[in-house]
Amino acid sequence: QVQLVESGGGLVQAGGSLRLSCVASGSIFKIYSMAWYRQAPGKERELVAAVPSGGSTNYADSVKGRFTVSRDNAHNTVYLRMNSLKPEDTAVYYCNADFALFGAKWGQGTQVTVSS
């Protein structure tokens, strides 16, 4: 089996920064895409940023220019650097990865709260 564990969430003031990390572990043969999603209270889960195994990253329009997604394939880790945070960025952030043999998996989520 495989699993994803996120870390790095917390409470920050508007304009501040956070970096989220997500580490994949288990019987990993290959990871295709890795991505970050978020879900705010009362809203649907939405894609924030994605980074395929090869190729360019993509971002939600609402975070372009403020968030940066990156991955370290040697350590099966994906990061999300979040700058200039806004109260509307408050949500539970979830890591998602598409594994060979196991398919897409989700992490447990990490809370990000941005105070005004």
Protein backbone atom coordinates (compact mmCIF):
# COMPACT_ATOMS: atom_id res chain seq x y z
CA GLN A 1 0.00 0.00 0.00
CA VAL A 2 0.89 3.67 -0.26
CA GLN A 3 0.04 6.71 1.80
CA LEU A 4 0.41 10.47 1.81
CA VAL A 5 1.10 12.58 4.87
CA GLU A 6 0.79 16.36 4.79
CA SER A 7 2.36 18.86 7.18
CA GLY A 8 2.96 22.58 7.46
CA GLY A 9 -0.51 24.00 7.94
CA GLY A 10 -1.37 26.49 10.64
CA LEU A 11 -2.65 29.95 11.50
CA VAL A 12 -1.12 32.94 9.75
CA GLN A 13 -2.03 36.59 9.31
CA ALA A 14 -3.08 37.95 5.96
CA GLY A 15 -0.03 38.70 3.85
CA GLY A 16 1.97 35.96 5.51
CA SER A 17 3.46 32.77 4.12
CA LEU A 18 3.34 29.04 4.74
CA ARG A 19 4.93 26.02 3.14
CA LEU A 20 3.05 22.75 2.98
CA SER A 21 4.78 19.41 2.51
CA CYS A 22 3.40 16.05 1.48
CA VAL A 23 5.46 12.88 1.68
CA ALA A 24 4.47 9.68 -0.07
CA SER A 25 5.51 6.36 1.43
CA GLY A 26 4.89 2.66 1.03
CA SER A 27 5.31 0.34 -1.94
CA ILE A 28 5.98 3.09 -4.47
CA PHE A 29 6.85 2.01 -7.97
CA LYS A 30 6.18 5.29 -9.70
CA ILE A 31 4.25 8.48 -9.01
CA TYR A 32 2.68 10.22 -11.95
CA SER A 33 1.09 13.54 -11.06
CA MET A 34 1.11 15.16 -7.63
CA ALA A 35 -1.23 17.95 -6.69
CA TRP A 36 -2.70 20.10 -3.96
CA TYR A 37 -6.42 20.62 -3.50
CA ARG A 38 -8.31 22.60 -0.91
CA GLN A 39 -11.78 22.60 0.56
CA ALA A 40 -13.27 25.52 2.43
CA PRO A 41 -16.33 25.11 4.67
CA GLY A 42 -19.47 24.75 2.61
CA LYS A 43 -17.56 24.60 -0.66
CA GLU A 44 -16.47 21.85 -3.01
CA ARG A 45 -12.91 20.62 -3.11
CA GLU A 46 -10.93 22.50 -5.75
CA LEU A 47 -7.59 22.06 -7.46
CA VAL A 48 -4.96 24.52 -6.26
CA ALA A 49 -1.84 23.40 -8.11
CA ALA A 50 -0.53 20.33 -9.88
CA VAL A 51 2.85 19.10 -11.02
CA PRO A 52 3.08 16.10 -13.34
CA SER A 53 6.03 13.74 -13.38
CA GLY A 54 7.29 15.60 -16.42
CA GLY A 55 6.02 18.83 -17.83
CA SER A 56 4.81 22.16 -16.65
CA THR A 57 2.90 22.98 -13.50
CA ASN A 58 -0.58 24.43 -13.47
CA TYR A 59 -2.40 26.61 -10.97
CA ALA A 60 -5.85 27.79 -10.12
CA ASP A 61 -6.33 31.37 -11.28
CA SER A 62 -6.95 32.48 -7.70
CA VAL A 63 -3.43 31.50 -6.59
CA LYS A 64 -1.32 32.31 -9.66
CA GLY A 65 1.60 34.51 -8.77
CA ARG A 66 1.26 33.75 -5.04
CA PHE A 67 1.64 29.97 -4.72
CA THR A 68 4.42 27.75 -6.04
CA VAL A 69 4.21 23.98 -6.31
CA SER A 70 7.32 21.83 -6.58
CA ARG A 71 8.28 18.21 -6.14
CA ASP A 72 11.32 16.26 -5.05
CA ASN A 73 11.12 12.94 -6.86
CA ALA A 74 14.06 11.49 -4.98
CA HIS A 75 12.11 11.86 -1.74
CA ASN A 76 8.59 11.35 -3.10
CA THR A 77 7.62 14.75 -1.76
CA VAL A 78 5.53 17.62 -3.09
CA TYR A 79 5.58 21.12 -1.65
CA LEU A 80 3.28 24.11 -1.83
CA ARG A 81 4.81 27.46 -1.03
CA MET A 82 2.06 29.97 -0.28
CA ASN A 83 2.87 33.68 -0.18
CA SER A 84 0.68 36.75 0.23
CA LEU A 85 -1.98 34.67 1.90
CA LYS A 86 -5.53 35.98 2.00
CA PRO A 87 -8.43 35.11 4.31
CA GLU A 88 -10.13 33.44 1.34
CA ASP A 89 -7.25 30.94 1.22
CA THR A 90 -8.52 29.48 4.49
CA ALA A 91 -9.32 25.81 3.90
CA VAL A 92 -8.23 22.27 4.53
CA TYR A 93 -5.47 21.53 2.04
CA TYR A 94 -5.19 18.00 0.67
CA CYS A 95 -2.36 16.32 -1.14
CA ASN A 96 -3.22 14.02 -4.05
CA ALA A 97 -0.92 11.70 -5.95
CA ASP A 98 -1.47 9.27 -8.79
CA PHE A 99 0.49 6.08 -8.12
CA ALA A 100 1.36 3.33 -10.53
CA LEU A 101 -0.50 0.13 -9.47
CA PHE A 102 -2.52 1.90 -6.75
CA GLY A 103 -4.17 4.79 -8.55
CA ALA A 104 -4.99 8.16 -7.03
CA LYS A 105 -4.69 8.59 -3.27
CA TRP A 106 -5.44 11.42 -0.86
CA GLY A 107 -3.70 12.61 2.25
CA GLN A 108 -5.58 13.33 5.46
CA GLY A 109 -5.49 17.10 4.96
CA THR A 110 -3.92 19.98 6.83
CA GLN A 111 -5.75 23.09 8.02
CA VAL A 112 -4.65 26.50 6.81
CA THR A 113 -6.28 29.48 8.49
CA VAL A 114 -5.56 33.05 7.38
CA SER A 115 -6.72 35.78 9.72
CA SER A 116 -7.57 39.28 8.51
